[in-house]
């Protein structure tokens, strides 16, 4: 975006070229003008926080991979 802007393209043309919204282009260009090269780093901390801990997530995944009690299990040799 920055390079295209420096080449003389305007916001609508940059948005079309990069297939993103004009608002995104404006926000990124304004952020770059305020903070310079540091604005290109990932901000981190964006998005929704996890509701469960990593330990709980691992336990759920291991439970999903096990056969429920009382259910027949298929074996590749054809025996139950």
C-alpha atoms as a PDB file:
ATOM      1  CA  UNK A   1       0.000   0.000   0.000  1.00  0.00           C
ATOM      2  CA  UNK A   2       2.717   2.415   0.968  1.00  0.00           C
ATOM      3  CA  UNK A   3       4.698   1.737  -2.199  1.00  0.00           C
ATOM      4  CA  UNK A   4       1.626   2.176  -4.378  1.00  0.00           C
ATOM      5  CA  UNK A   5       0.802   5.406  -2.588  1.00  0.00           C
ATOM      6  CA  UNK A   6       4.347   6.694  -3.121  1.00  0.00           C
ATOM      7  CA  UNK A   7       4.007   5.780  -6.807  1.00  0.00           C
ATOM      8  CA  UNK A   8       1.173   8.272  -7.028  1.00  0.00           C
ATOM      9  CA  UNK A   9      -1.864   5.990  -6.898  1.00  0.00           C
ATOM     10  CA  UNK A  10      -4.845   7.282  -4.967  1.00  0.00           C
ATOM     11  CA  UNK A  11      -6.757   5.349  -2.315  1.00  0.00           C
ATOM     12  CA  UNK A  12      -9.512   3.982  -4.631  1.00  0.00           C
ATOM     13  CA  UNK A  13      -6.937   2.649  -7.121  1.00  0.00           C
ATOM     14  CA  UNK A  14      -4.856   1.057  -4.347  1.00  0.00           C
ATOM     15  CA  UNK A  15      -7.977  -0.626  -2.930  1.00  0.00           C
ATOM     16  CA  UNK A  16      -8.832  -2.084  -6.340  1.00  0.00           C
ATOM     17  CA  UNK A  17      -5.239  -3.202  -6.956  1.00  0.00           C
ATOM     18  CA  UNK A  18      -4.961  -4.975  -3.583  1.00  0.00           C
ATOM     19  CA  UNK A  19      -8.586  -6.155  -3.474  1.00  0.00           C
ATOM     20  CA  UNK A  20      -9.365  -4.557  -0.130  1.00  0.00           C
ATOM     21  CA  UNK A  21     -11.586  -1.749   1.098  1.00  0.00           C
ATOM     22  CA  UNK A  22     -10.816   1.926   0.793  1.00  0.00           C
ATOM     23  CA  UNK A  23     -11.210   2.219   4.548  1.00  0.00           C
ATOM     24  CA  UNK A  24      -8.441  -0.345   5.091  1.00  0.00           C
ATOM     25  CA  UNK A  25      -6.116   1.523   2.741  1.00  0.00           C
ATOM     26  CA  UNK A  26      -6.797   4.836   4.472  1.00  0.00           C
ATOM     27  CA  UNK A  27      -6.272   3.374   7.948  1.00  0.00           C
ATOM     28  CA  UNK A  28      -2.977   1.736   7.006  1.00  0.00           C
ATOM     29  CA  UNK A  29      -1.662   4.840   5.243  1.00  0.00           C
ATOM     30  CA  UNK A  30      -2.611   7.076   8.191  1.00  0.00           C
ATOM     31  CA  UNK A  31      -0.987   4.617  10.612  1.00  0.00           C
ATOM     32  CA  UNK A  32       2.178   4.593   8.502  1.00  0.00           C
ATOM     33  CA  UNK A  33       2.242   8.393   8.368  1.00  0.00           C
ATOM     34  CA  UNK A  34       1.936   8.547  12.171  1.00  0.00           C
ATOM     35  CA  UNK A  35       4.374   5.786  13.205  1.00  0.00           C
ATOM     36  CA  UNK A  36       6.619   5.151  10.209  1.00  0.00           C
ATOM     37  CA  UNK A  37       8.187   1.716   9.698  1.00  0.00           C
ATOM     38  CA  UNK A  38       7.152   0.548  13.177  1.00  0.00           C
ATOM     39  CA  UNK A  39       3.519   0.689  12.033  1.00  0.00           C
ATOM     40  CA  UNK A  40       4.194  -2.234   9.690  1.00  0.00           C
ATOM     41  CA  UNK A  41       4.739  -4.624  12.631  1.00  0.00           C
ATOM     42  CA  UNK A  42       1.887  -6.861  13.712  1.00  0.00           C
ATOM     43  CA  UNK A  43      -0.085  -5.132  16.445  1.00  0.00           C
ATOM     44  CA  UNK A  44      -0.870  -8.391  18.227  1.00  0.00           C
ATOM     45  CA  UNK A  45      -3.650  -8.808  20.721  1.00  0.00           C
ATOM     46  CA  UNK A  46      -6.271  -8.407  18.031  1.00  0.00           C
ATOM     47  CA  UNK A  47      -9.342 -10.578  17.991  1.00  0.00           C
ATOM     48  CA  UNK A  48     -11.345 -12.405  20.581  1.00  0.00           C
ATOM     49  CA  UNK A  49      -9.587 -13.877  23.612  1.00  0.00           C
ATOM     50  CA  UNK A  50      -9.793 -17.619  24.183  1.00  0.00           C
ATOM     51  CA  UNK A  51     -12.467 -18.801  26.573  1.00  0.00           C
ATOM     52  CA  UNK A  52     -10.600 -21.957  27.604  1.00  0.00           C
ATOM     53  CA  UNK A  53      -7.017 -22.575  28.658  1.00  0.00           C
ATOM     54  CA  UNK A  54      -4.508 -24.450  26.508  1.00  0.00           C
ATOM     55  CA  UNK A  55      -4.698 -27.370  28.971  1.00  0.00           C
ATOM     56  CA  UNK A  56      -8.494 -27.577  28.632  1.00  0.00           C
ATOM     57  CA  UNK A  57      -8.193 -27.405  24.843  1.00  0.00           C
ATOM     58  CA  UNK A  58      -5.690 -30.271  24.802  1.00  0.00           C
ATOM     59  CA  UNK A  59      -7.938 -32.375  27.039  1.00  0.00           C
ATOM     60  CA  UNK A  60     -10.959 -31.787  24.780  1.00  0.00           C
ATOM     61  CA  UNK A  61      -8.960 -32.735  21.683  1.00  0.00           C
ATOM     62  CA  UNK A  62      -7.737 -35.954  23.296  1.00  0.00           C
ATOM     63  CA  UNK A  63     -11.303 -36.830  24.347  1.00  0.00           C
ATOM     64  CA  UNK A  64     -12.608 -36.299  20.829  1.00  0.00           C
ATOM     65  CA  UNK A  65      -9.980 -38.684  19.456  1.00  0.00           C
ATOM     66  CA  UNK A  66     -10.961 -41.543  21.811  1.00  0.00           C
ATOM     67  CA  UNK A  67     -13.755 -44.047  21.237  1.00  0.00           C
ATOM     68  CA  UNK A  68     -16.762 -43.412  23.519  1.00  0.00           C
ATOM     69  CA  UNK A  69     -17.318 -46.081  26.202  1.00  0.00           C
ATOM     70  CA  UNK A  70     -19.755 -48.818  25.152  1.00  0.00           C
ATOM     71  CA  UNK A  71     -19.339 -48.185  21.422  1.00  0.00           C
ATOM     72  CA  UNK A  72     -17.946 -50.871  19.140  1.00  0.00           C
ATOM     73  CA  UNK A  73     -14.612 -50.003  17.623  1.00  0.00           C
ATOM     74  CA  UNK A  74     -13.714 -50.823  14.032  1.00  0.00           C
ATOM     75  CA  UNK A  75     -10.358 -52.441  13.469  1.00  0.00           C
ATOM     76  CA  UNK A  76      -8.616 -52.531  10.087  1.00  0.00           C
ATOM     77  CA  UNK A  77      -8.461 -56.355  10.214  1.00  0.00           C
ATOM     78  CA  UNK A  78     -12.251 -56.540  10.197  1.00  0.00           C
ATOM     79  CA  UNK A  79     -12.739 -57.662  13.825  1.00  0.00           C
ATOM     80  CA  UNK A  80     -14.858 -55.888  16.430  1.00  0.00           C
END
